[in-house]
N, C-alpha and C. Protein backbone atom coordinates (compact mmCIF):
# COMPACT_ATOMS: atom_id res chain seq x y z
N MET A 1 24.02 3.67 16.28
CA MET A 1 22.96 3.24 15.23
C MET A 1 21.65 4.24 15.50
N GLU A 2 21.26 5.01 14.69
CA GLU A 2 19.81 5.66 14.99
C GLU A 2 18.56 4.94 15.25
N GLN A 3 18.25 5.32 16.54
CA GLN A 3 17.09 4.71 17.31
C GLN A 3 15.61 5.06 16.13
N PRO A 4 15.06 3.77 15.93
CA PRO A 4 13.78 3.96 15.13
C PRO A 4 12.90 4.94 15.70
N LEU A 5 12.34 5.60 14.82
CA LEU A 5 11.19 6.80 15.23
C LEU A 5 10.28 6.23 16.20
N TYR A 6 9.80 5.32 16.19
CA TYR A 6 8.68 4.76 17.18
C TYR A 6 9.43 3.99 18.76
N GLN A 7 10.69 4.18 18.69
CA GLN A 7 11.00 3.83 19.87
C GLN A 7 11.65 5.00 20.59
N LYS A 8 11.40 6.58 20.03
CA LYS A 8 11.74 7.53 20.80
C LYS A 8 10.67 7.50 21.83
N GLU A 9 11.00 8.27 23.00
CA GLU A 9 10.43 8.33 24.18
C GLU A 9 8.87 9.50 23.76
N CYS A 10 9.58 10.77 23.28
CA CYS A 10 8.62 11.73 22.91
C CYS A 10 8.91 11.94 21.42
N LEU A 11 7.60 11.69 20.78
CA LEU A 11 7.57 12.32 19.38
C LEU A 11 6.87 13.74 19.00
N ILE A 12 7.32 14.71 18.26
CA ILE A 12 6.47 15.90 17.73
C ILE A 12 6.43 16.01 16.85
N PHE A 13 5.24 16.13 16.21
CA PHE A 13 5.01 16.14 14.81
C PHE A 13 4.24 17.46 14.57
N GLY A 14 4.93 18.45 13.37
CA GLY A 14 4.29 19.50 13.08
C GLY A 14 3.41 18.95 11.70
N CYS A 15 2.09 19.65 11.80
CA CYS A 15 1.19 19.24 10.56
C CYS A 15 1.16 20.49 9.89
N GLY A 16 0.89 20.02 8.99
CA GLY A 16 0.29 21.58 7.77
C GLY A 16 1.11 21.27 6.28
N ASN A 17 0.36 22.03 5.58
CA ASN A 17 0.91 21.87 4.16
C ASN A 17 1.62 23.74 4.09
N PRO A 18 2.79 23.86 3.82
CA PRO A 18 3.46 25.21 4.03
C PRO A 18 2.94 25.83 2.75
N LEU A 19 2.51 25.20 1.56
CA LEU A 19 2.17 25.82 0.23
C LEU A 19 1.09 26.46 0.44
N PHE A 20 0.25 26.21 1.60
CA PHE A 20 -0.95 26.94 1.96
C PHE A 20 -1.11 27.80 3.10
N GLY A 21 -0.01 29.02 2.87
CA GLY A 21 -0.04 30.13 3.90
C GLY A 21 -0.16 29.72 5.50
N ASP A 22 -0.75 30.19 6.29
CA ASP A 22 -0.68 29.61 7.68
C ASP A 22 -1.10 27.90 8.12
N ASP A 23 -1.56 27.22 7.06
CA ASP A 23 -1.48 25.90 7.25
C ASP A 23 -0.08 25.43 7.39
N GLY A 24 1.02 26.02 7.20
CA GLY A 24 2.48 25.61 7.00
C GLY A 24 3.16 25.71 8.40
N PHE A 25 1.96 26.14 9.67
CA PHE A 25 2.81 26.55 11.09
C PHE A 25 3.49 25.52 11.50
N GLY A 26 2.99 24.09 11.46
CA GLY A 26 3.32 22.99 12.26
C GLY A 26 4.79 22.77 11.86
N PRO A 27 4.98 22.77 10.24
CA PRO A 27 6.32 22.42 9.95
C PRO A 27 7.51 23.60 9.97
N ALA A 28 6.83 24.84 10.02
CA ALA A 28 8.04 25.62 10.59
C ALA A 28 8.04 25.70 12.04
N VAL A 29 7.13 25.29 12.87
CA VAL A 29 7.71 25.26 14.46
C VAL A 29 8.70 23.96 14.26
N ILE A 30 8.67 22.88 13.40
CA ILE A 30 9.70 21.57 13.78
C ILE A 30 10.81 22.54 13.14
N ALA A 31 10.76 22.99 12.08
CA ALA A 31 12.45 23.75 11.57
C ALA A 31 12.97 24.48 12.46
N HIS A 32 12.02 25.38 13.39
CA HIS A 32 12.59 26.16 14.63
C HIS A 32 13.07 25.42 15.45
N LEU A 33 12.59 24.40 15.91
CA LEU A 33 13.07 23.51 16.98
C LEU A 33 14.43 22.91 16.55
N GLU A 34 14.54 22.26 15.44
CA GLU A 34 15.90 21.69 15.00
C GLU A 34 16.77 22.92 14.81
N LYS A 35 16.38 24.09 14.51
CA LYS A 35 17.13 25.02 14.26
C LYS A 35 17.89 25.73 15.75
N ALA A 36 16.94 26.01 16.54
CA ALA A 36 17.11 26.90 17.86
C ALA A 36 17.06 25.92 19.13
N HIS A 37 16.79 24.83 19.10
CA HIS A 37 16.88 24.17 20.14
C HIS A 37 17.38 22.70 20.60
N LEU A 38 18.07 22.48 21.55
CA LEU A 38 18.74 21.09 21.76
C LEU A 38 17.76 20.32 21.96
N LEU A 39 17.75 19.09 21.30
CA LEU A 39 16.68 17.81 21.60
C LEU A 39 17.61 16.83 21.76
N SER A 40 17.16 15.93 22.63
CA SER A 40 17.83 14.84 23.27
C SER A 40 17.78 13.48 22.07
N GLU A 41 18.26 12.58 22.35
CA GLU A 41 18.11 11.59 21.31
C GLU A 41 16.83 10.92 21.77
N ARG A 42 16.47 11.12 22.62
CA ARG A 42 14.91 10.59 23.22
C ARG A 42 13.77 10.94 22.69
N VAL A 43 14.14 12.40 21.80
CA VAL A 43 12.72 13.03 21.33
C VAL A 43 13.07 13.06 19.77
N ALA A 44 12.06 12.87 18.93
CA ALA A 44 12.09 13.23 17.27
C ALA A 44 11.35 14.11 17.40
N ALA A 45 11.60 15.38 16.16
CA ALA A 45 10.85 16.44 16.10
C ALA A 45 10.52 16.07 14.42
N VAL A 46 9.28 15.85 13.84
CA VAL A 46 9.00 15.38 12.81
C VAL A 46 8.26 16.45 11.85
N ASP A 47 8.89 16.99 10.92
CA ASP A 47 7.84 17.39 9.85
C ASP A 47 6.73 16.53 9.17
N ALA A 48 5.35 16.26 9.55
CA ALA A 48 4.75 15.39 9.14
C ALA A 48 3.74 15.70 8.29
N GLY A 49 3.64 17.05 7.60
CA GLY A 49 3.04 17.62 6.63
C GLY A 49 1.97 17.48 6.91
N THR A 50 1.32 16.53 5.54
CA THR A 50 -0.17 16.03 5.76
C THR A 50 -0.38 15.03 5.75
N SER A 51 0.65 14.23 6.46
CA SER A 51 0.69 12.58 6.26
C SER A 51 0.35 12.27 7.93
N ILE A 52 0.00 13.04 8.72
CA ILE A 52 -0.05 12.52 9.87
C ILE A 52 -0.97 11.30 10.56
N ARG A 53 -1.75 11.13 9.66
CA ARG A 53 -2.71 10.12 9.83
C ARG A 53 -2.01 8.57 9.64
N ASP A 54 -1.11 8.84 8.76
CA ASP A 54 -0.31 7.69 8.05
C ASP A 54 0.78 7.07 9.16
N ILE A 55 1.27 7.87 9.32
CA ILE A 55 2.23 8.16 11.00
C ILE A 55 1.54 7.51 12.17
N LEU A 56 0.38 8.12 12.36
CA LEU A 56 -0.56 7.94 13.65
C LEU A 56 -0.88 6.28 13.62
N PHE A 57 -1.40 5.91 12.46
CA PHE A 57 -1.76 4.56 12.30
C PHE A 57 -0.60 3.39 12.44
N ASP A 58 0.48 3.88 11.92
CA ASP A 58 1.68 3.14 12.18
C ASP A 58 1.83 2.80 13.68
N ILE A 59 1.85 4.08 14.53
CA ILE A 59 2.09 4.29 15.75
C ILE A 59 1.49 3.12 16.55
N LEU A 60 -0.25 3.30 15.98
CA LEU A 60 -1.10 2.78 16.72
C LEU A 60 -0.84 1.20 16.69
N LEU A 61 -0.55 0.48 15.65
CA LEU A 61 -0.02 -0.95 15.01
C LEU A 61 1.46 -1.53 15.84
N SER A 62 2.23 -0.32 16.11
CA SER A 62 3.35 -0.67 16.46
C SER A 62 3.44 -1.19 18.00
N PRO A 63 4.32 -2.65 17.98
CA PRO A 63 4.07 -3.29 19.48
C PRO A 63 4.90 -2.23 20.88
N VAL A 64 5.95 -1.11 20.00
CA VAL A 64 6.64 -0.34 20.59
C VAL A 64 6.15 1.30 20.77
N LYS A 65 5.46 1.92 21.40
CA LYS A 65 5.23 3.13 21.36
C LYS A 65 6.04 4.26 22.10
N PRO A 66 5.64 5.46 21.54
CA PRO A 66 6.58 6.50 22.48
C PRO A 66 5.72 6.71 23.81
N ARG A 67 6.56 7.48 24.75
CA ARG A 67 5.67 7.75 26.22
C ARG A 67 4.98 9.02 25.93
N ARG A 68 5.11 9.81 24.91
CA ARG A 68 4.27 11.13 24.71
C ARG A 68 4.49 11.37 23.30
N ILE A 69 3.10 11.84 22.86
CA ILE A 69 3.23 12.42 21.49
C ILE A 69 2.83 13.92 21.77
N ILE A 70 3.44 14.93 21.03
CA ILE A 70 2.94 16.55 21.12
C ILE A 70 2.42 16.71 19.24
N VAL A 71 1.33 17.03 19.28
CA VAL A 71 1.01 17.27 17.42
C VAL A 71 0.99 18.77 17.65
N VAL A 72 1.75 19.37 16.65
CA VAL A 72 1.28 20.92 16.33
C VAL A 72 1.13 21.14 15.36
N ASP A 73 -0.24 22.18 15.28
CA ASP A 73 -0.98 22.30 14.39
C ASP A 73 -1.50 23.89 13.88
N ALA A 74 -2.00 24.35 13.04
CA ALA A 74 -2.79 25.67 12.73
C ALA A 74 -4.10 25.28 12.91
N VAL A 75 -5.37 25.97 13.60
CA VAL A 75 -6.65 25.97 13.43
C VAL A 75 -7.17 27.38 13.24
N ASP A 76 -8.53 26.93 12.89
CA ASP A 76 -9.27 28.06 12.81
C ASP A 76 -10.63 28.01 13.51
N LEU A 77 -10.80 28.52 14.78
CA LEU A 77 -11.57 28.26 15.85
C LEU A 77 -12.29 29.84 16.01
N PRO A 78 -13.59 29.86 16.11
CA PRO A 78 -13.98 31.11 16.51
C PRO A 78 -13.85 31.51 17.82
N GLY A 79 -13.55 32.86 17.97
CA GLY A 79 -13.61 33.50 19.29
C GLY A 79 -11.87 33.82 19.59
N ARG A 80 -11.05 33.12 18.63
CA ARG A 80 -9.64 33.03 19.03
C ARG A 80 -8.68 34.21 18.32
N GLN A 81 -7.62 34.82 18.44
CA GLN A 81 -7.03 35.90 17.82
C GLN A 81 -6.15 35.03 17.02
N PRO A 82 -5.55 35.79 15.94
CA PRO A 82 -4.24 35.03 14.99
C PRO A 82 -3.40 35.32 15.29
N GLY A 83 -2.51 34.12 15.65
CA GLY A 83 -1.26 33.94 16.47
C GLY A 83 -1.49 33.20 17.77
N GLU A 84 -2.63 33.06 18.24
CA GLU A 84 -2.90 32.76 19.81
C GLU A 84 -2.67 31.31 19.76
N ILE A 85 -1.70 30.95 20.89
CA ILE A 85 -1.24 29.66 21.00
C ILE A 85 -2.38 29.06 22.16
N PHE A 86 -2.59 27.89 21.95
CA PHE A 86 -3.15 27.32 23.08
C PHE A 86 -3.15 25.58 22.97
N GLU A 87 -3.68 24.87 23.69
CA GLU A 87 -3.90 23.38 24.00
C GLU A 87 -5.24 22.99 23.47
N ILE A 88 -5.65 22.01 22.62
CA ILE A 88 -6.93 21.29 22.53
C ILE A 88 -7.05 20.05 23.42
N ASP A 89 -8.00 20.33 24.05
CA ASP A 89 -8.36 19.11 24.78
C ASP A 89 -9.28 17.91 23.79
N MET A 90 -8.69 16.66 23.37
CA MET A 90 -9.21 16.06 22.23
C MET A 90 -10.57 15.62 22.92
N ASP A 91 -10.87 15.43 24.26
CA ASP A 91 -12.11 15.06 24.52
C ASP A 91 -13.51 16.11 24.53
N GLN A 92 -12.98 17.46 24.53
CA GLN A 92 -13.80 18.39 24.24
C GLN A 92 -14.35 18.67 22.59
N ILE A 93 -13.87 17.82 21.85
CA ILE A 93 -14.05 18.02 20.21
C ILE A 93 -15.20 17.03 20.14
N ALA A 94 -16.59 17.67 19.59
CA ALA A 94 -17.56 17.11 19.49
C ALA A 94 -17.21 15.92 18.06
N PRO A 95 -17.54 14.71 17.78
CA PRO A 95 -17.34 14.08 16.67
C PRO A 95 -18.17 14.69 15.55
N ALA A 96 -19.01 15.48 15.56
CA ALA A 96 -19.71 15.97 14.28
C ALA A 96 -18.71 17.11 13.95
N LYS A 97 -18.13 17.83 15.08
CA LYS A 97 -17.09 18.99 14.64
C LYS A 97 -15.60 18.48 14.42
N ALA A 98 -15.44 17.50 14.53
CA ALA A 98 -13.71 16.96 14.51
C ALA A 98 -13.12 17.34 13.28
N ALA A 99 -13.85 17.43 12.22
CA ALA A 99 -13.51 17.59 10.86
C ALA A 99 -13.66 19.10 10.36
N ASP A 100 -14.24 20.01 11.46
CA ASP A 100 -14.49 21.44 10.98
C ASP A 100 -12.99 22.05 11.59
N PHE A 101 -12.28 21.70 12.66
CA PHE A 101 -11.53 22.70 13.27
C PHE A 101 -9.99 22.71 12.76
N SER A 102 -9.57 21.77 11.91
CA SER A 102 -8.56 21.69 11.06
C SER A 102 -8.63 20.87 10.05
N LEU A 103 -7.50 21.31 9.11
CA LEU A 103 -7.57 20.11 7.74
C LEU A 103 -6.83 18.59 7.97
N HIS A 104 -6.26 18.50 9.24
CA HIS A 104 -5.55 17.48 9.37
C HIS A 104 -6.07 16.57 10.65
N GLN A 105 -7.43 17.03 11.04
CA GLN A 105 -7.69 16.45 12.45
C GLN A 105 -9.00 15.28 12.54
N PHE A 106 -9.18 14.91 11.31
CA PHE A 106 -10.03 13.79 11.49
C PHE A 106 -9.95 12.93 10.15
N PRO A 107 -9.43 11.64 10.41
CA PRO A 107 -9.86 10.68 11.71
C PRO A 107 -8.69 11.07 12.72
N THR A 108 -7.68 12.01 12.38
CA THR A 108 -6.65 12.28 13.29
C THR A 108 -6.95 12.22 14.86
N THR A 109 -7.94 12.89 15.01
CA THR A 109 -8.34 12.91 16.67
C THR A 109 -8.68 11.57 17.01
N THR A 110 -9.50 10.74 16.52
CA THR A 110 -9.90 9.38 16.45
C THR A 110 -8.47 8.76 16.82
N LEU A 111 -7.50 8.88 15.82
CA LEU A 111 -6.17 7.75 16.16
C LEU A 111 -5.82 8.31 17.63
N LEU A 112 -5.42 9.40 17.70
CA LEU A 112 -4.44 9.84 18.69
C LEU A 112 -5.66 9.56 20.29
N LYS A 113 -6.80 9.41 19.81
CA LYS A 113 -7.27 8.80 21.45
C LYS A 113 -7.19 7.46 21.23
N GLU A 114 -7.25 6.80 20.20
CA GLU A 114 -7.07 5.26 20.32
C GLU A 114 -5.69 5.02 20.80
N ILE A 115 -4.80 5.75 20.33
CA ILE A 115 -3.26 5.66 20.85
C ILE A 115 -3.40 5.62 22.49
N ARG A 116 -3.64 7.32 22.88
CA ARG A 116 -3.85 7.51 24.31
C ARG A 116 -4.38 6.48 25.05
N ASP A 117 -5.84 5.86 24.70
CA ASP A 117 -6.39 5.20 25.35
C ASP A 117 -6.24 3.57 25.74
N GLN A 118 -5.53 3.31 24.57
CA GLN A 118 -4.94 1.92 24.23
C GLN A 118 -3.94 1.47 24.88
N SER A 119 -3.08 2.69 25.08
CA SER A 119 -1.55 2.43 25.13
C SER A 119 -1.11 3.28 26.19
N ALA A 120 -1.65 4.01 26.96
CA ALA A 120 -1.37 5.11 28.09
C ALA A 120 -0.18 5.86 27.64
N VAL A 121 -0.39 6.23 26.17
CA VAL A 121 0.49 7.33 25.59
C VAL A 121 0.22 8.54 25.84
N GLU A 122 0.92 9.76 26.74
CA GLU A 122 0.11 11.05 26.61
C GLU A 122 0.37 11.68 25.29
N VAL A 123 -0.91 12.12 25.18
CA VAL A 123 -1.07 12.65 23.76
C VAL A 123 -1.43 14.47 24.40
N ARG A 124 -0.76 15.26 23.75
CA ARG A 124 -1.04 16.58 23.84
C ARG A 124 -1.10 17.22 22.27
N VAL A 125 -2.22 18.05 22.08
CA VAL A 125 -2.23 19.05 20.99
C VAL A 125 -2.38 20.47 21.10
N LEU A 126 -1.14 20.80 20.66
CA LEU A 126 -0.84 22.11 20.78
C LEU A 126 -0.85 23.15 19.18
N VAL A 127 -2.02 23.97 19.18
CA VAL A 127 -2.25 24.73 18.23
C VAL A 127 -2.14 26.32 18.01
N ALA A 128 -1.88 27.01 16.86
CA ALA A 128 -2.14 28.17 16.71
C ALA A 128 -3.36 28.73 15.96
N GLN A 129 -4.13 29.86 16.54
CA GLN A 129 -5.06 30.08 15.69
C GLN A 129 -4.68 30.76 14.36
N ILE A 130 -5.09 30.73 12.96
CA ILE A 130 -4.54 31.26 11.78
C ILE A 130 -5.20 32.54 11.69
N ALA A 131 -4.68 33.13 10.85
CA ALA A 131 -4.94 34.63 10.18
C ALA A 131 -5.99 34.33 8.96
N GLU A 132 -5.09 33.34 8.41
CA GLU A 132 -5.94 32.95 7.20
C GLU A 132 -5.42 31.90 6.27
N VAL A 133 -5.76 30.83 5.52
CA VAL A 133 -5.69 29.58 4.59
C VAL A 133 -6.07 30.12 3.50
N PRO A 134 -5.33 30.49 2.42
CA PRO A 134 -5.39 30.78 1.06
C PRO A 134 -6.29 30.02 0.27
N ALA A 135 -7.03 30.20 -0.50
CA ALA A 135 -7.60 29.21 -1.46
C ALA A 135 -6.92 28.78 -2.29
N ALA A 136 -6.05 29.34 -2.90
CA ALA A 136 -4.81 28.84 -3.87
C ALA A 136 -3.62 28.75 -3.28
N VAL A 137 -2.64 28.29 -3.70
CA VAL A 137 -1.32 28.05 -3.57
C VAL A 137 -0.67 29.35 -3.45
N ARG A 138 -0.33 29.56 -1.96
CA ARG A 138 0.65 30.79 -1.36
C ARG A 138 1.22 30.55 -0.20
N PRO A 139 2.71 30.09 -0.48
CA PRO A 139 3.37 29.82 0.46
C PRO A 139 3.61 30.76 1.60
N GLY A 140 3.90 31.01 2.74
CA GLY A 140 4.31 31.83 3.43
C GLY A 140 3.45 32.22 4.75
N LEU A 141 3.91 32.04 5.89
CA LEU A 141 2.84 32.15 6.94
C LEU A 141 2.63 33.69 7.25
N SER A 142 1.33 33.89 7.76
CA SER A 142 1.24 35.38 8.22
C SER A 142 1.63 35.92 9.11
N ALA A 143 1.94 37.49 9.48
CA ALA A 143 2.93 37.75 10.60
C ALA A 143 2.58 37.41 12.12
N ALA A 144 1.07 37.44 12.06
CA ALA A 144 0.49 36.55 13.25
C ALA A 144 1.27 35.26 13.71
N LEU A 145 1.24 34.45 12.54
CA LEU A 145 1.87 33.03 12.83
C LEU A 145 3.33 32.85 13.36
N GLN A 146 3.91 33.88 12.18
CA GLN A 146 5.33 33.60 12.12
C GLN A 146 5.89 34.13 13.64
N GLY A 147 5.12 35.23 14.18
CA GLY A 147 5.23 35.50 15.40
C GLY A 147 5.27 34.54 16.63
N ALA A 148 4.27 33.67 16.41
CA ALA A 148 4.25 32.39 16.88
C ALA A 148 5.14 31.39 17.29
N ILE A 149 6.08 31.19 16.09
CA ILE A 149 6.65 30.09 16.13
C ILE A 149 7.67 30.22 17.47
N ALA A 150 8.27 30.84 17.64
CA ALA A 150 9.24 30.99 18.88
C ALA A 150 8.67 30.67 19.90
N PRO A 151 7.51 31.41 20.48
CA PRO A 151 6.81 31.13 21.85
C PRO A 151 6.02 29.58 21.57
N MET A 152 5.81 28.97 20.35
CA MET A 152 5.31 27.53 20.40
C MET A 152 6.48 26.93 20.85
N GLY A 153 7.69 27.25 20.11
CA GLY A 153 8.74 26.31 20.35
C GLY A 153 9.16 26.07 21.96
N SER A 154 8.99 27.00 22.59
CA SER A 154 9.34 27.05 23.96
C SER A 154 8.17 26.19 24.55
N LEU A 155 6.85 26.28 24.25
CA LEU A 155 5.69 25.59 24.96
C LEU A 155 6.15 24.15 24.84
N ILE A 156 6.46 23.88 23.60
CA ILE A 156 6.72 22.21 23.14
C ILE A 156 8.09 21.83 24.04
N MET A 157 9.19 22.67 24.00
CA MET A 157 10.22 22.17 24.89
C MET A 157 9.95 22.19 26.35
N ALA A 158 8.63 23.03 26.90
CA ALA A 158 8.17 22.70 28.07
C ALA A 158 7.30 21.46 28.28
N ALA A 159 6.52 20.96 27.35
CA ALA A 159 5.40 20.05 27.07
C ALA A 159 6.49 18.83 26.92
N ALA A 160 7.61 18.73 26.02
CA ALA A 160 8.52 17.76 26.11
C ALA A 160 9.28 17.31 27.27
N GLY A 161 9.26 18.08 28.10
CA GLY A 161 9.65 17.69 29.69
C GLY A 161 11.14 17.06 29.91
N SER A 162 11.27 16.15 30.82
CA SER A 162 12.07 15.32 30.91
C SER A 162 12.83 14.64 29.77
N PHE A 163 11.99 14.61 28.62
CA PHE A 163 12.49 13.56 27.63
C PHE A 163 13.25 14.73 26.78
N SER A 164 13.28 15.93 27.14
CA SER A 164 14.01 17.01 25.98
C SER A 164 15.63 17.26 26.37
N GLY A 165 15.96 16.38 27.35
CA GLY A 165 17.37 16.31 27.62
C GLY A 165 17.72 18.12 28.53
N SER A 166 18.58 18.62 27.71
CA SER A 166 18.95 19.79 28.49
C SER A 166 17.71 20.86 28.34
N GLY A 167 17.12 20.80 27.13
CA GLY A 167 15.99 21.65 26.92
C GLY A 167 16.23 23.07 26.84
N GLY A 168 17.64 23.30 26.48
CA GLY A 168 18.17 24.50 26.02
C GLY A 168 18.16 24.75 24.74
N ARG A 169 18.53 25.95 24.54
CA ARG A 169 18.51 26.93 23.13
C ARG A 169 20.09 26.24 22.44
N LYS A 170 20.02 26.35 21.36
CA LYS A 170 21.45 26.13 20.72
C LYS A 170 22.00 27.32 20.95
N PRO A 171 23.56 27.19 20.81
CA PRO A 171 23.91 28.65 20.96
C PRO A 171 24.07 29.42 19.54
N ALA A 172 24.16 30.66 19.77
CA ALA A 172 24.01 31.69 18.51
C ALA A 172 25.15 31.32 17.84
N GLU A 173 24.92 31.08 16.43
CA GLU A 173 26.25 30.98 15.55
C GLU A 173 27.09 32.30 15.42
N ASP A 174 27.94 32.13 15.26
CA ASP A 174 28.96 33.35 15.23
C ASP A 174 29.19 33.60 13.86
N PRO A 175 28.67 34.80 13.33
CA PRO A 175 28.69 35.25 11.89
C PRO A 175 29.98 35.65 11.55
N GLU A 176 31.24 35.30 12.38
CA GLU A 176 32.66 35.78 12.29
C GLU A 176 33.25 34.53 11.66
N ASN A 177 32.50 33.23 12.08
CA ASN A 177 33.01 32.00 11.51
C ASN A 177 32.16 31.22 10.80
């Protein structure tokens, strides 16, 4: 029987809308993890799209919580290079600026802090700097973010730590079979 999502020990959420260029980075990373890495049954990698707030609210209310949450998103911060991968410390985000740095962060940042502070869930926010997010629908990542997918996948597997099982890569498919 499949273990319910909130009972997994580690939840990895890819945030973003793939219809708007680099904003689709989070879902692209989740697709990469599912294709290229071995995730244990204790880990769930979820394409949260733009629904992360609803999912986090459910986790906040759930009596059973994961031990670790990893959020993957794209951001636009000054002084960063497109495709640069880094971790955001939620405590460093000024409340007035929380809505500025990502399409998905506010009130997501508040919910993540509440989950972390009220239930001792370890929360990590791993992001990549965008090249651009188009004003109109235009699917597809920039070359910079396309190149950041595999390194982010490796960073996530390291962040998932002991929950990720073998933490290995799936064997390459044999084109002959």
